[in-house]
Amino acid sequence: MNEKDRVNLDAAAFRRLVQHLRSRPDVQNIDLMNLAGFCRNCLGKWYKAAADDLDIELSAEQAREQIYGMPYHEWKSRYQKEASAAQLTAFEKNKPDD
């Protein structure tokens, strides 16, 4: 596989992941963190870091909006639920050390 095809496939898979997460607002970020070690906010940070690496001007909020499909505060008010004690305990146990 050549580099151009790999980049195109990577981009298509990423877009599909983002679309899937947008279609599942019932899946809370804390659940994603507890199960997979990353969430929508992580993807937004990675998107911003990629923009920085490529010298593309993009704010953290704009990057996060690319992932959520709307401003973060709007997604949060529509879909985010209060984390349960069990979710918070699991998060504290499994959170990254960065």
N, C-alpha and C. Protein backbone atom coordinates (compact mmCIF):
# COMPACT_ATOMS: atom_id res chain seq x y z
N MET A 1 0.86 -1.17 0.00
CA MET A 1 0.00 0.00 0.00
C MET A 1 0.90 1.24 0.00
N ASN A 2 0.53 2.20 -0.81
CA ASN A 2 1.32 3.43 -0.82
C ASN A 2 0.85 4.39 0.27
N GLU A 3 1.64 5.40 0.54
CA GLU A 3 1.38 6.35 1.64
C GLU A 3 0.07 7.11 1.43
N LYS A 4 -0.21 7.53 0.21
CA LYS A 4 -1.45 8.28 -0.06
C LYS A 4 -2.67 7.41 0.24
N ASP A 5 -2.66 6.16 -0.19
CA ASP A 5 -3.79 5.26 0.09
C ASP A 5 -3.93 5.02 1.58
N ARG A 6 -2.80 4.84 2.29
CA ARG A 6 -2.86 4.62 3.74
C ARG A 6 -3.47 5.82 4.45
N VAL A 7 -3.05 7.02 4.07
CA VAL A 7 -3.59 8.25 4.67
C VAL A 7 -5.09 8.35 4.40
N ASN A 8 -5.50 8.06 3.16
CA ASN A 8 -6.92 8.12 2.82
C ASN A 8 -7.74 7.10 3.61
N LEU A 9 -7.22 5.91 3.77
CA LEU A 9 -7.91 4.88 4.56
C LEU A 9 -7.97 5.26 6.03
N ASP A 10 -6.85 5.76 6.56
CA ASP A 10 -6.84 6.21 7.96
C ASP A 10 -7.89 7.30 8.18
N ALA A 11 -7.95 8.25 7.26
CA ALA A 11 -8.91 9.35 7.38
C ALA A 11 -10.34 8.84 7.29
N ALA A 12 -10.60 7.92 6.39
CA ALA A 12 -11.95 7.37 6.25
C ALA A 12 -12.37 6.60 7.50
N ALA A 13 -11.45 5.83 8.05
CA ALA A 13 -11.77 5.08 9.28
C ALA A 13 -12.01 6.04 10.45
N PHE A 14 -11.22 7.10 10.54
CA PHE A 14 -11.41 8.09 11.58
C PHE A 14 -12.78 8.77 11.45
N ARG A 15 -13.12 9.16 10.22
CA ARG A 15 -14.43 9.79 10.01
C ARG A 15 -15.56 8.85 10.41
N ARG A 16 -15.40 7.58 10.12
CA ARG A 16 -16.42 6.59 10.48
C ARG A 16 -16.53 6.46 12.00
N LEU A 17 -15.40 6.44 12.69
CA LEU A 17 -15.40 6.39 14.15
C LEU A 17 -16.11 7.61 14.73
N VAL A 18 -15.78 8.79 14.22
CA VAL A 18 -16.42 10.02 14.71
C VAL A 18 -17.92 9.97 14.45
N GLN A 19 -18.33 9.55 13.26
CA GLN A 19 -19.76 9.46 12.94
C GLN A 19 -20.45 8.46 13.86
N HIS A 20 -19.80 7.36 14.14
CA HIS A 20 -20.38 6.36 15.04
C HIS A 20 -20.57 6.96 16.44
N LEU A 21 -19.57 7.66 16.94
CA LEU A 21 -19.69 8.28 18.27
C LEU A 21 -20.78 9.35 18.28
N ARG A 22 -20.91 10.09 17.19
CA ARG A 22 -21.99 11.09 17.12
C ARG A 22 -23.36 10.42 17.14
N SER A 23 -23.45 9.23 16.57
CA SER A 23 -24.74 8.54 16.52
C SER A 23 -25.07 7.85 17.84
N ARG A 24 -24.13 7.82 18.78
CA ARG A 24 -24.33 7.15 20.06
C ARG A 24 -24.10 8.09 21.25
N PRO A 25 -24.89 9.18 21.31
CA PRO A 25 -24.70 10.09 22.45
C PRO A 25 -25.09 9.45 23.78
N ASP A 26 -25.76 8.31 23.72
CA ASP A 26 -26.10 7.59 24.95
C ASP A 26 -24.87 6.99 25.62
N VAL A 27 -23.81 6.79 24.86
CA VAL A 27 -22.57 6.28 25.42
C VAL A 27 -21.81 7.46 26.01
N GLN A 28 -21.68 7.45 27.31
CA GLN A 28 -21.06 8.55 28.02
C GLN A 28 -19.53 8.50 27.89
N ASN A 29 -18.92 9.67 27.93
CA ASN A 29 -17.47 9.74 27.84
C ASN A 29 -16.79 8.96 28.96
N ILE A 30 -17.34 9.00 30.16
CA ILE A 30 -16.72 8.27 31.27
C ILE A 30 -16.75 6.76 31.01
N ASP A 31 -17.79 6.29 30.34
CA ASP A 31 -17.85 4.86 29.98
C ASP A 31 -16.76 4.53 28.96
N LEU A 32 -16.59 5.41 27.98
CA LEU A 32 -15.52 5.20 27.00
C LEU A 32 -14.16 5.19 27.69
N MET A 33 -13.94 6.13 28.60
CA MET A 33 -12.67 6.18 29.32
C MET A 33 -12.46 4.91 30.14
N ASN A 34 -13.49 4.46 30.82
CA ASN A 34 -13.36 3.28 31.67
C ASN A 34 -13.12 2.01 30.85
N LEU A 35 -13.70 1.93 29.67
CA LEU A 35 -13.55 0.73 28.85
C LEU A 35 -12.36 0.78 27.91
N ALA A 36 -12.11 1.95 27.33
CA ALA A 36 -11.12 2.01 26.26
C ALA A 36 -9.93 2.92 26.56
N GLY A 37 -10.04 3.73 27.61
CA GLY A 37 -8.94 4.62 27.94
C GLY A 37 -8.89 5.89 27.12
N PHE A 38 -9.93 6.17 26.35
CA PHE A 38 -10.04 7.43 25.61
C PHE A 38 -11.51 7.75 25.43
N CYS A 39 -11.78 9.02 25.11
CA CYS A 39 -13.17 9.45 24.91
C CYS A 39 -13.22 10.50 23.80
N ARG A 40 -14.36 11.08 23.62
CA ARG A 40 -14.53 12.10 22.59
C ARG A 40 -13.59 13.29 22.84
N ASN A 41 -13.41 13.66 24.11
CA ASN A 41 -12.52 14.77 24.42
C ASN A 41 -11.08 14.44 24.04
N CYS A 42 -10.67 13.21 24.26
CA CYS A 42 -9.32 12.78 23.84
C CYS A 42 -9.18 12.94 22.33
N LEU A 43 -10.18 12.49 21.59
CA LEU A 43 -10.12 12.63 20.13
C LEU A 43 -10.00 14.09 19.72
N GLY A 44 -10.72 14.97 20.42
CA GLY A 44 -10.61 16.40 20.15
C GLY A 44 -9.20 16.92 20.41
N LYS A 45 -8.59 16.46 21.50
CA LYS A 45 -7.21 16.87 21.81
C LYS A 45 -6.23 16.34 20.76
N TRP A 46 -6.43 15.11 20.31
CA TRP A 46 -5.56 14.53 19.28
C TRP A 46 -5.74 15.26 17.96
N TYR A 47 -6.96 15.65 17.66
CA TYR A 47 -7.26 16.40 16.43
C TYR A 47 -6.53 17.75 16.47
N LYS A 48 -6.60 18.41 17.62
CA LYS A 48 -5.92 19.69 17.81
C LYS A 48 -4.42 19.52 17.69
N ALA A 49 -3.87 18.48 18.29
CA ALA A 49 -2.43 18.22 18.21
C ALA A 49 -1.99 17.99 16.76
N ALA A 50 -2.82 17.27 16.01
CA ALA A 50 -2.51 17.03 14.60
C ALA A 50 -2.52 18.34 13.82
N ALA A 51 -3.49 19.20 14.11
CA ALA A 51 -3.53 20.52 13.46
C ALA A 51 -2.27 21.31 13.80
N ASP A 52 -1.87 21.29 15.05
CA ASP A 52 -0.66 22.00 15.46
C ASP A 52 0.56 21.46 14.72
N ASP A 53 0.65 20.13 14.62
CA ASP A 53 1.78 19.50 13.92
C ASP A 53 1.87 19.93 12.46
N LEU A 54 0.71 20.19 11.87
CA LEU A 54 0.66 20.58 10.47
C LEU A 54 0.57 22.09 10.27
N ASP A 55 0.75 22.84 11.36
CA ASP A 55 0.67 24.30 11.33
C ASP A 55 -0.67 24.79 10.78
N ILE A 56 -1.75 24.09 11.16
CA ILE A 56 -3.10 24.50 10.79
C ILE A 56 -3.72 25.19 12.00
N GLU A 57 -4.18 26.42 11.80
CA GLU A 57 -4.76 27.17 12.91
C GLU A 57 -6.12 26.60 13.27
N LEU A 58 -6.23 26.12 14.50
CA LEU A 58 -7.47 25.51 14.99
C LEU A 58 -7.45 25.60 16.50
N SER A 59 -8.52 26.13 17.07
CA SER A 59 -8.59 26.22 18.53
C SER A 59 -9.00 24.86 19.10
N ALA A 60 -8.76 24.69 20.37
CA ALA A 60 -9.18 23.45 21.05
C ALA A 60 -10.69 23.28 20.95
N GLU A 61 -11.43 24.37 21.09
CA GLU A 61 -12.89 24.29 21.00
C GLU A 61 -13.33 23.91 19.59
N GLN A 62 -12.69 24.44 18.57
CA GLN A 62 -13.01 24.07 17.19
C GLN A 62 -12.70 22.60 16.93
N ALA A 63 -11.61 22.12 17.47
CA ALA A 63 -11.25 20.71 17.31
C ALA A 63 -12.29 19.82 17.97
N ARG A 64 -12.69 20.19 19.18
CA ARG A 64 -13.69 19.39 19.90
C ARG A 64 -15.01 19.39 19.15
N GLU A 65 -15.37 20.53 18.55
CA GLU A 65 -16.62 20.61 17.78
C GLU A 65 -16.57 19.69 16.55
N GLN A 66 -15.39 19.48 15.98
CA GLN A 66 -15.26 18.55 14.86
C GLN A 66 -15.61 17.13 15.30
N ILE A 67 -15.33 16.80 16.53
CA ILE A 67 -15.61 15.47 17.05
C ILE A 67 -17.08 15.34 17.45
N TYR A 68 -17.57 16.32 18.19
CA TYR A 68 -18.95 16.25 18.70
C TYR A 68 -20.01 16.59 17.66
N GLY A 69 -19.64 17.33 16.62
CA GLY A 69 -20.61 17.74 15.61
C GLY A 69 -21.45 18.92 16.05
N MET A 70 -21.07 19.53 17.15
CA MET A 70 -21.75 20.70 17.71
C MET A 70 -20.84 21.26 18.79
N PRO A 71 -21.10 22.47 19.24
CA PRO A 71 -20.30 22.98 20.35
C PRO A 71 -20.40 22.04 21.57
N TYR A 72 -19.26 21.88 22.25
CA TYR A 72 -19.21 20.95 23.37
C TYR A 72 -20.25 21.28 24.43
N HIS A 73 -20.42 22.56 24.77
CA HIS A 73 -21.39 22.92 25.81
C HIS A 73 -22.81 22.49 25.42
N GLU A 74 -23.11 22.52 24.13
CA GLU A 74 -24.42 22.09 23.66
C GLU A 74 -24.57 20.57 23.81
N TRP A 75 -23.55 19.80 23.39
CA TRP A 75 -23.60 18.35 23.53
C TRP A 75 -23.74 17.98 25.00
N LYS A 76 -22.96 18.66 25.83
CA LYS A 76 -22.97 18.38 27.27
C LYS A 76 -24.36 18.60 27.87
N SER A 77 -25.00 19.70 27.51
CA SER A 77 -26.32 19.98 28.06
C SER A 77 -27.39 19.03 27.52
N ARG A 78 -27.22 18.56 26.29
CA ARG A 78 -28.19 17.63 25.70
C ARG A 78 -28.02 16.19 26.19
N TYR A 79 -26.77 15.74 26.30
CA TYR A 79 -26.52 14.31 26.44
C TYR A 79 -25.76 13.86 27.68
N GLN A 80 -24.95 14.72 28.26
CA GLN A 80 -24.12 14.24 29.37
C GLN A 80 -24.95 14.06 30.63
N LYS A 81 -24.75 12.92 31.25
CA LYS A 81 -25.44 12.60 32.50
C LYS A 81 -24.45 12.65 33.65
N GLU A 82 -24.97 12.80 34.84
CA GLU A 82 -24.13 12.78 36.04
C GLU A 82 -23.51 11.39 36.16
N ALA A 83 -22.22 11.35 36.41
CA ALA A 83 -21.53 10.07 36.57
C ALA A 83 -21.96 9.40 37.88
N SER A 84 -22.14 8.10 37.81
CA SER A 84 -22.50 7.35 39.01
C SER A 84 -21.26 7.14 39.88
N ALA A 85 -21.49 6.75 41.10
CA ALA A 85 -20.37 6.45 42.00
C ALA A 85 -19.51 5.33 41.44
N ALA A 86 -20.15 4.32 40.87
CA ALA A 86 -19.40 3.20 40.28
C ALA A 86 -18.55 3.66 39.10
N GLN A 87 -19.09 4.54 38.26
CA GLN A 87 -18.33 5.06 37.12
C GLN A 87 -17.11 5.86 37.60
N LEU A 88 -17.32 6.70 38.61
CA LEU A 88 -16.23 7.51 39.13
C LEU A 88 -15.15 6.66 39.79
N THR A 89 -15.57 5.63 40.51
CA THR A 89 -14.61 4.72 41.14
C THR A 89 -13.78 4.01 40.09
N ALA A 90 -14.45 3.51 39.04
CA ALA A 90 -13.73 2.83 37.95
C ALA A 90 -12.77 3.78 37.27
N PHE A 91 -13.20 5.02 37.08
CA PHE A 91 -12.34 6.01 36.43
C PHE A 91 -11.10 6.27 37.27
N GLU A 92 -11.27 6.48 38.55
CA GLU A 92 -10.13 6.73 39.42
C GLU A 92 -9.16 5.56 39.43
N LYS A 93 -9.69 4.35 39.38
CA LYS A 93 -8.85 3.16 39.39
C LYS A 93 -8.06 3.00 38.09
N ASN A 94 -8.68 3.37 36.98
CA ASN A 94 -8.09 3.09 35.66
C ASN A 94 -7.52 4.31 34.94
N LYS A 95 -7.64 5.52 35.52
CA LYS A 95 -7.24 6.71 34.77
C LYS A 95 -5.75 6.71 34.47
N PRO A 96 -5.40 7.30 33.31
CA PRO A 96 -3.99 7.37 32.93
C PRO A 96 -3.20 8.25 33.91
N ASP A 97 -1.92 8.03 33.98
CA ASP A 97 -1.06 8.77 34.89
C ASP A 97 -0.48 10.03 34.28
N ASP A 98 -0.98 10.48 33.11
CA ASP A 98 -0.38 11.66 32.48
C ASP A 98 -0.83 12.89 33.16
